[in-house]
Protein backbone atom coordinates (compact mmCIF):
# COMPACT_ATOMS: atom_id res chain seq x y z
CA UNK A 1 0.00 0.00 0.00
CA UNK A 2 2.76 2.48 0.90
CA UNK A 3 4.61 1.62 -2.31
CA UNK A 4 1.43 2.36 -4.23
CA UNK A 5 1.18 5.74 -2.50
CA UNK A 6 4.77 6.55 -3.49
CA UNK A 7 4.21 5.51 -7.11
CA UNK A 8 1.25 7.89 -7.19
CA UNK A 9 3.38 10.48 -5.40
CA UNK A 10 6.07 10.24 -8.09
CA UNK A 11 3.52 10.83 -10.84
CA UNK A 12 2.02 13.73 -8.91
CA UNK A 13 5.41 15.37 -8.19
CA UNK A 14 6.14 15.53 -11.93
CA UNK A 15 2.60 16.49 -12.93
CA UNK A 16 1.53 20.02 -13.94
CA UNK A 17 -0.36 20.22 -10.64
CA UNK A 18 2.80 20.32 -8.51
CA UNK A 19 5.40 21.35 -11.09
CA UNK A 20 5.33 25.08 -10.16
CA UNK A 21 6.14 24.21 -6.54
CA UNK A 22 8.88 21.81 -7.66
CA UNK A 23 10.66 24.55 -9.63
CA UNK A 24 10.34 27.01 -6.75
CA UNK A 25 11.79 24.60 -4.19
CA UNK A 26 14.63 23.47 -6.46
CA UNK A 27 15.52 27.03 -7.41
CA UNK A 28 15.64 28.21 -3.80
CA UNK A 29 17.53 25.08 -2.75
CA UNK A 30 20.23 25.54 -5.37
CA UNK A 31 20.64 29.26 -4.56
CA UNK A 32 20.93 28.59 -0.82
CA UNK A 33 23.32 25.70 -1.45
CA UNK A 34 25.56 27.93 -3.57
CA UNK A 35 25.55 30.58 -0.85
CA UNK A 36 26.42 28.00 1.82
CA UNK A 37 29.31 26.61 -0.26
CA UNK A 38 30.60 30.12 -0.93
CA UNK A 39 30.30 31.00 2.75
CA UNK A 40 32.18 27.85 3.76
CA UNK A 41 35.02 28.56 1.33
CA UNK A 42 35.17 32.21 2.44
CA UNK A 43 35.30 31.15 6.10
CA UNK A 44 38.31 28.96 5.35
CA UNK A 45 40.21 32.15 4.52
CA UNK A 46 40.14 33.03 8.22
CA UNK A 47 41.82 29.76 9.25
CA UNK A 48 45.18 30.62 10.89
CA UNK A 49 48.21 29.95 8.73
CA UNK A 50 50.52 27.11 9.74
CA UNK A 51 53.50 28.80 8.10
CA UNK A 52 53.86 26.66 4.98
CA UNK A 53 52.05 27.69 1.82
CA UNK A 54 51.50 24.13 0.65
CA UNK A 55 50.02 23.11 4.03
CA UNK A 56 47.71 26.14 4.06
CA UNK A 57 46.47 25.32 0.57
CA UNK A 58 45.96 21.69 1.54
CA UNK A 59 43.94 22.66 4.63
CA UNK A 60 41.72 24.99 2.60
CA UNK A 61 41.18 22.33 -0.05
CA UNK A 62 40.35 19.66 2.55
CA UNK A 63 38.01 22.03 4.38
CA UNK A 64 36.25 22.96 1.15
CA UNK A 65 35.79 19.33 0.20
CA UNK A 66 34.40 18.48 3.65
CA UNK A 67 31.98 21.41 3.44
CA UNK A 68 30.84 20.36 -0.05
CA UNK A 69 30.36 16.72 0.95
CA UNK A 70 28.52 17.78 4.10
CA UNK A 71 26.21 19.94 2.02
CA UNK A 72 25.49 16.98 -0.26
CA UNK A 73 24.11 15.11 2.77
CA UNK A 74 22.37 18.24 4.05
CA UNK A 75 20.76 19.19 0.73
CA UNK A 76 17.74 16.83 1.06
CA UNK A 77 17.04 18.22 4.53
CA UNK A 78 17.40 21.76 3.16
CA UNK A 79 14.96 21.02 0.32
CA UNK A 80 12.53 19.37 2.76
CA UNK A 81 12.68 22.46 4.98
CA UNK A 82 12.04 24.76 2.02
CA UNK A 83 9.20 22.53 0.90
CA UNK A 84 7.55 22.96 4.31
CA UNK A 85 6.95 26.60 3.31
CA UNK A 86 4.92 25.38 0.33
CA UNK A 87 3.65 22.10 1.79
CA UNK A 88 0.21 23.50 2.51
CA UNK A 89 -0.10 24.84 -1.04
CA UNK A 90 1.14 21.52 -2.46
CA UNK A 91 -1.38 19.55 -0.40
CA UNK A 92 -4.21 21.92 -1.38
CA UNK A 93 -3.35 21.67 -5.09
CA UNK A 94 -3.13 17.89 -4.98
CA UNK A 95 -6.31 17.44 -2.97
CA UNK A 96 -8.25 19.68 -5.34
CA UNK A 97 -6.97 17.75 -8.37
CA UNK A 98 -7.20 14.19 -7.02
CA UNK A 99 -10.04 14.45 -4.48
CA UNK A 100 -12.38 17.13 -5.88
CA UNK A 101 -15.43 15.67 -4.14
CA UNK A 102 -13.92 15.72 -0.64
CA UNK A 103 -14.11 18.64 1.80
CA UNK A 104 -11.25 21.11 1.39
CA UNK A 105 -8.68 21.21 4.16
CA UNK A 106 -7.77 24.15 6.35
CA UNK A 107 -5.13 26.51 4.95
CA UNK A 108 -2.32 26.94 7.45
CA UNK A 109 -0.78 30.40 8.07
CA UNK A 110 2.57 31.15 6.40
CA UNK A 111 4.32 32.00 9.66
CA UNK A 112 3.16 28.74 11.18
CA UNK A 113 4.61 26.84 8.22
CA UNK A 114 7.86 28.81 8.49
CA UNK A 115 8.18 28.09 12.21
CA UNK A 116 7.46 24.41 11.60
CA UNK A 117 10.07 24.22 8.84
CA UNK A 118 12.75 25.89 10.94
CA UNK A 119 11.90 23.64 13.90
CA UNK A 120 12.18 20.57 11.68
CA UNK A 121 15.54 21.70 10.27
CA UNK A 122 16.93 22.39 13.73
CA UNK A 123 15.74 19.04 15.14
CA UNK A 124 17.18 17.10 12.20
CA UNK A 125 20.58 18.80 12.44
CA UNK A 126 20.78 18.50 16.24
CA UNK A 127 19.78 14.82 16.32
CA UNK A 128 22.16 13.94 13.50
CA UNK A 129 24.96 15.66 15.40
CA UNK A 130 23.91 13.81 18.58
CA UNK A 131 24.20 10.40 16.88
CA UNK A 132 27.52 11.31 15.23
CA UNK A 133 29.42 8.87 17.51
CA UNK A 134 27.25 6.05 16.14
CA UNK A 135 27.94 7.28 12.64
CA UNK A 136 31.66 7.04 13.36
CA UNK A 137 31.20 3.44 14.51
CA UNK A 138 30.30 2.75 10.91
CA UNK A 139 33.96 3.21 10.04
CA UNK A 140 34.67 0.02 12.00
CA UNK A 141 31.33 -1.77 11.59
CA UNK A 142 29.99 -1.33 8.04
CA UNK A 143 26.36 -0.29 7.52
CA UNK A 144 25.90 0.99 11.09
CA UNK A 145 26.09 4.63 9.98
CA UNK A 146 23.71 3.97 7.09
CA UNK A 147 21.15 2.30 9.37
CA UNK A 148 21.40 5.11 11.93
CA UNK A 149 20.98 7.81 9.27
CA UNK A 150 18.12 5.97 7.57
CA UNK A 151 16.12 5.09 10.69
CA UNK A 152 16.55 8.46 12.45
CA UNK A 153 15.72 10.60 9.44
CA UNK A 154 12.99 8.19 8.35
CA UNK A 155 11.26 8.70 11.69
CA UNK A 156 11.66 12.48 11.58
CA UNK A 157 10.58 12.93 7.95
CA UNK A 158 7.62 10.55 8.29
CA UNK A 159 6.38 12.23 11.46
CA UNK A 160 6.82 15.82 10.28
CA UNK A 161 5.23 15.41 6.85
CA UNK A 162 2.35 13.27 8.15
CA UNK A 163 1.45 15.78 10.86
CA UNK A 164 1.63 18.77 8.51
CA UNK A 165 -0.62 17.06 5.97
CA UNK A 166 -3.04 15.60 8.53
CA UNK A 167 -3.57 18.85 10.42
CA UNK A 168 -5.32 20.26 7.36
CA UNK A 169 -8.23 17.93 8.07
CA UNK A 170 -7.85 16.69 11.64
CA UNK A 171 -8.18 18.76 14.83
CA UNK A 172 -4.72 19.45 16.30
CA UNK A 173 -5.33 17.24 19.35
CA UNK A 174 -6.24 14.34 17.05
CA UNK A 175 -3.16 14.56 14.81
CA UNK A 176 -0.81 12.91 17.30
CA UNK A 177 -3.32 10.17 18.08
CA UNK A 178 -3.82 9.40 14.40
CA UNK A 179 -0.05 9.30 13.81
CA UNK A 180 0.56 7.01 16.78
CA UNK A 181 -2.30 4.76 15.69
CA UNK A 182 -0.64 4.29 12.31
CA UNK A 183 2.96 4.67 13.44
CA UNK A 184 4.11 1.73 11.31
CA UNK A 185 2.73 3.27 8.11
CA UNK A 186 4.10 6.70 9.01
CA UNK A 187 7.56 5.29 9.77
CA UNK A 188 7.49 3.24 6.56
CA UNK A 189 6.64 6.33 4.54
CA UNK A 190 9.49 8.19 6.21
CA UNK A 191 11.93 5.37 5.46
CA UNK A 192 10.95 5.33 1.80
CA UNK A 193 11.17 9.11 1.58
CA UNK A 194 14.61 9.13 3.22
CA UNK A 195 15.84 6.33 0.92
CA UNK A 196 14.84 8.41 -2.11
CA UNK A 197 16.77 11.37 -0.69
CA UNK A 198 20.11 9.57 -1.10
CA UNK A 199 19.54 8.52 -4.72
CA UNK A 200 21.40 10.98 -6.98
CA UNK A 201 19.00 12.95 -9.14
CA UNK A 202 15.93 11.54 -7.43
CA UNK A 203 16.91 13.34 -4.22
CA UNK A 204 16.03 16.64 -5.90
CA UNK A 205 12.33 15.73 -6.05
CA UNK A 206 12.21 13.18 -3.19
CA UNK A 207 10.68 15.58 -0.61
CA UNK A 208 7.83 16.49 -2.97
CA UNK A 209 7.25 12.81 -3.76
CA UNK A 210 7.03 12.14 -0.02
CA UNK A 211 4.53 14.96 0.51
CA UNK A 212 2.35 13.77 -2.37
CA UNK A 213 2.49 10.16 -1.15
CA UNK A 214 1.58 11.30 2.38
CA UNK A 215 -1.47 13.17 1.08
CA UNK A 216 -2.72 9.87 -0.34
CA UNK A 217 -1.73 8.00 2.85
CA UNK A 218 -3.59 10.43 5.13
CA UNK A 219 -6.70 10.24 2.96
CA UNK A 220 -6.56 6.45 3.02
CA UNK A 221 -6.19 6.03 6.78
CA UNK A 222 -8.95 8.57 7.47
CA UNK A 223 -11.33 6.96 5.01
CA UNK A 224 -10.79 3.28 5.66
CA UNK A 225 -9.46 3.12 9.23
CA UNK A 226 -6.64 0.71 8.40
CA UNK A 227 -6.36 -2.33 10.71
CA UNK A 228 -9.85 -1.51 11.99
CA UNK A 229 -8.48 0.70 14.76
CA UNK A 230 -9.14 4.23 13.60
CA UNK A 231 -12.37 5.81 14.64
CA UNK A 232 -14.00 8.17 12.12
CA UNK A 233 -12.40 11.62 12.00
CA UNK A 234 -14.58 14.52 10.97
CA UNK A 235 -13.32 17.00 8.40
CA UNK A 236 -12.64 20.42 9.88
CA UNK A 237 -13.91 23.62 8.34
CA UNK A 238 -11.59 26.62 7.78
CA UNK A 239 -12.84 28.08 11.05
CA UNK A 240 -11.52 25.03 12.90
CA UNK A 241 -14.98 23.87 14.04
CA UNK A 242 -16.95 20.80 13.11
CA UNK A 243 -18.89 21.86 9.98
CA UNK A 244 -22.03 20.15 11.34
CA UNK A 245 -22.07 22.61 14.23
CA UNK A 246 -21.89 25.70 12.01
């Protein structure tokens, strides 16, 4: 089922419905990446000299390479953070195109999306730094660093995207309950999304694929109550109240 959602998400990410958002996110991501690389190289100019020209040049070259490689790992997170600014628009576009007969979701305020994106970026960076010792163990024990990176970021990406998509239709207090109820599906979606983020070329559109797939996943769990555990969740009107009470 999750694979089916991601196949649909891939088609949606490349469709005219989401293409404008894709170009915006990629353009901003590339500009910010270029600025970060330039800033890293410029900062290396302030590294104290060791007294030998060849050693200074070697240190700058090594530092630049480390910064560039680090950015390659950070780029998917950067794109995901940027996408959070347009996630609500992406979900609204996709829902209108694929589910025209369903109630429209609540539009989230821009500043709320910005705060959520910055929070997500900070949490991802801090937790990846925190598990750096485990990543270093991978030098001795192969695949440990890959498993740590994949499982940690899979959990974070799955949780963040699911909650941001679900809150368009589910009362805030219900979002966490719905995510915990379907934690296996949410984690699986995060793992698939994170796996796509390390595939060269695909990583450029992986966050948008994950968002599109999560839109389909959220609709499915709300409609069918997978595993027979979910109780019906009422769509929320833009005012935040049950539309039956208005």
